[in-house]
Amino acid sequence: MVNIIKKNKSVYYQCEECRLIYKDKGWADKCEKWCRENRSCNLNIVKHSINKNTK
């Protein structure tokens, strides 16, 4: 289950496996599923992550 991060009235979602952060829960879920099943990152999913410094 993805982690929920609340900051400055915004909500972000974090993959528990690789710790990447997403604005959309759907992408975080896809990332976590991919990470668990493949033990790698998928660039088509990762490109939707946000820079942790922008939150």
N, C-alpha and C. Protein backbone atom coordinates (compact mmCIF):
# COMPACT_ATOMS: atom_id res chain seq x y z
N MET A 1 0.84 -1.18 0.00
CA MET A 1 0.00 0.00 0.00
C MET A 1 0.89 1.24 0.00
N VAL A 2 0.61 2.17 -0.87
CA VAL A 2 1.42 3.37 -1.00
C VAL A 2 1.29 4.25 0.24
N ASN A 3 2.34 5.00 0.52
CA ASN A 3 2.33 5.95 1.63
C ASN A 3 1.66 7.23 1.16
N ILE A 4 0.90 7.86 2.05
CA ILE A 4 0.27 9.14 1.74
C ILE A 4 1.05 10.23 2.46
N ILE A 5 1.42 11.25 1.70
CA ILE A 5 2.17 12.37 2.25
C ILE A 5 1.33 13.62 2.07
N LYS A 6 1.06 14.32 3.17
CA LYS A 6 0.29 15.56 3.12
C LYS A 6 1.23 16.71 3.45
N LYS A 7 1.25 17.70 2.55
CA LYS A 7 2.13 18.84 2.77
C LYS A 7 1.51 20.08 2.12
N ASN A 8 1.35 21.12 2.91
CA ASN A 8 0.83 22.40 2.40
C ASN A 8 -0.46 22.23 1.59
N LYS A 9 -1.43 21.54 2.16
CA LYS A 9 -2.74 21.32 1.53
C LYS A 9 -2.68 20.44 0.28
N SER A 10 -1.54 19.86 0.00
CA SER A 10 -1.40 18.96 -1.15
C SER A 10 -1.22 17.53 -0.64
N VAL A 11 -1.64 16.58 -1.46
CA VAL A 11 -1.49 15.17 -1.11
C VAL A 11 -0.63 14.51 -2.18
N TYR A 12 0.37 13.75 -1.71
CA TYR A 12 1.26 13.02 -2.60
C TYR A 12 1.27 11.56 -2.19
N TYR A 13 1.68 10.70 -3.10
CA TYR A 13 1.70 9.27 -2.85
C TYR A 13 3.10 8.73 -3.12
N GLN A 14 3.58 7.89 -2.23
CA GLN A 14 4.94 7.38 -2.33
C GLN A 14 4.94 5.86 -2.43
N CYS A 15 5.68 5.36 -3.41
CA CYS A 15 5.88 3.93 -3.56
C CYS A 15 6.68 3.43 -2.36
N GLU A 16 6.21 2.41 -1.68
CA GLU A 16 6.91 1.87 -0.52
C GLU A 16 8.18 1.13 -0.90
N GLU A 17 8.28 0.70 -2.14
CA GLU A 17 9.44 -0.07 -2.58
C GLU A 17 10.62 0.82 -2.95
N CYS A 18 10.41 1.75 -3.87
CA CYS A 18 11.52 2.57 -4.36
C CYS A 18 11.51 4.00 -3.82
N ARG A 19 10.44 4.36 -3.13
CA ARG A 19 10.30 5.66 -2.47
C ARG A 19 10.07 6.83 -3.42
N LEU A 20 9.76 6.57 -4.69
CA LEU A 20 9.44 7.66 -5.60
C LEU A 20 8.08 8.23 -5.22
N ILE A 21 7.88 9.51 -5.51
CA ILE A 21 6.68 10.23 -5.10
C ILE A 21 5.89 10.64 -6.34
N TYR A 22 4.57 10.52 -6.24
CA TYR A 22 3.66 10.83 -7.34
C TYR A 22 2.53 11.73 -6.86
N LYS A 23 2.00 12.55 -7.77
CA LYS A 23 0.82 13.36 -7.45
C LYS A 23 -0.44 12.51 -7.58
N ASP A 24 -0.38 11.48 -8.40
CA ASP A 24 -1.54 10.64 -8.68
C ASP A 24 -1.38 9.27 -8.03
N LYS A 25 -2.36 8.85 -7.26
CA LYS A 25 -2.29 7.57 -6.56
C LYS A 25 -2.20 6.40 -7.54
N GLY A 26 -2.84 6.52 -8.67
CA GLY A 26 -2.81 5.45 -9.66
C GLY A 26 -1.40 5.12 -10.13
N TRP A 27 -0.59 6.15 -10.36
CA TRP A 27 0.79 5.92 -10.79
C TRP A 27 1.62 5.33 -9.67
N ALA A 28 1.37 5.78 -8.45
CA ALA A 28 2.10 5.22 -7.30
C ALA A 28 1.77 3.74 -7.13
N ASP A 29 0.50 3.38 -7.31
CA ASP A 29 0.10 1.97 -7.22
C ASP A 29 0.78 1.14 -8.31
N LYS A 30 0.80 1.67 -9.53
CA LYS A 30 1.45 0.95 -10.64
C LYS A 30 2.94 0.79 -10.38
N CYS A 31 3.56 1.83 -9.86
CA CYS A 31 4.99 1.79 -9.55
C CYS A 31 5.27 0.72 -8.50
N GLU A 32 4.49 0.72 -7.45
CA GLU A 32 4.71 -0.25 -6.37
C GLU A 32 4.50 -1.68 -6.85
N LYS A 33 3.49 -1.89 -7.66
CA LYS A 33 3.23 -3.23 -8.19
C LYS A 33 4.40 -3.68 -9.07
N TRP A 34 4.85 -2.79 -9.94
CA TRP A 34 5.98 -3.13 -10.82
C TRP A 34 7.23 -3.44 -9.99
N CYS A 35 7.52 -2.59 -9.03
CA CYS A 35 8.72 -2.78 -8.19
C CYS A 35 8.71 -4.13 -7.47
N ARG A 36 7.57 -4.47 -6.91
CA ARG A 36 7.46 -5.74 -6.17
C ARG A 36 7.61 -6.95 -7.08
N GLU A 37 7.02 -6.89 -8.25
CA GLU A 37 7.04 -8.03 -9.16
C GLU A 37 8.35 -8.19 -9.91
N ASN A 38 9.02 -7.06 -10.22
CA ASN A 38 10.19 -7.11 -11.10
C ASN A 38 11.51 -6.72 -10.44
N ARG A 39 11.43 -6.17 -9.26
CA ARG A 39 12.64 -5.71 -8.55
C ARG A 39 13.48 -4.78 -9.43
N SER A 40 12.77 -3.90 -10.15
CA SER A 40 13.41 -2.91 -11.01
C SER A 40 12.45 -1.74 -11.19
N CYS A 41 12.91 -0.70 -11.85
CA CYS A 41 12.05 0.44 -12.16
C CYS A 41 11.63 0.39 -13.62
N ASN A 42 10.47 0.91 -13.90
CA ASN A 42 9.94 0.99 -15.25
C ASN A 42 9.94 2.46 -15.66
N LEU A 43 10.71 2.81 -16.67
CA LEU A 43 10.83 4.21 -17.06
C LEU A 43 9.51 4.83 -17.51
N ASN A 44 8.61 4.01 -18.04
CA ASN A 44 7.30 4.53 -18.45
C ASN A 44 6.45 4.94 -17.25
N ILE A 45 6.73 4.37 -16.10
CA ILE A 45 6.03 4.74 -14.87
C ILE A 45 6.80 5.85 -14.16
N VAL A 46 8.10 5.70 -14.05
CA VAL A 46 8.94 6.64 -13.32
C VAL A 46 8.84 8.07 -13.87
N LYS A 47 8.63 8.20 -15.17
CA LYS A 47 8.55 9.54 -15.75
C LYS A 47 7.39 10.36 -15.20
N HIS A 48 6.45 9.72 -14.52
CA HIS A 48 5.31 10.42 -13.92
C HIS A 48 5.57 10.82 -12.46
N SER A 49 6.72 10.43 -11.94
CA SER A 49 7.06 10.81 -10.56
C SER A 49 7.43 12.28 -10.51
N ILE A 50 7.44 12.82 -9.29
CA ILE A 50 7.80 14.22 -9.13
C ILE A 50 9.11 14.31 -8.37
N ASN A 51 9.76 15.43 -8.52
CA ASN A 51 10.99 15.69 -7.78
C ASN A 51 10.62 15.93 -6.33
N LYS A 52 11.26 15.25 -5.40
CA LYS A 52 10.89 15.36 -3.99
C LYS A 52 11.07 16.77 -3.48
N ASN A 53 11.86 17.60 -4.14
CA ASN A 53 12.07 18.98 -3.70
C ASN A 53 10.95 19.91 -4.16
N THR A 54 10.11 19.48 -5.10
CA THR A 54 9.01 20.33 -5.58
C THR A 54 7.80 20.26 -4.67
N LYS A 55 7.75 19.25 -3.83
CA LYS A 55 6.60 19.16 -2.93
C LYS A 55 6.83 20.06 -1.78
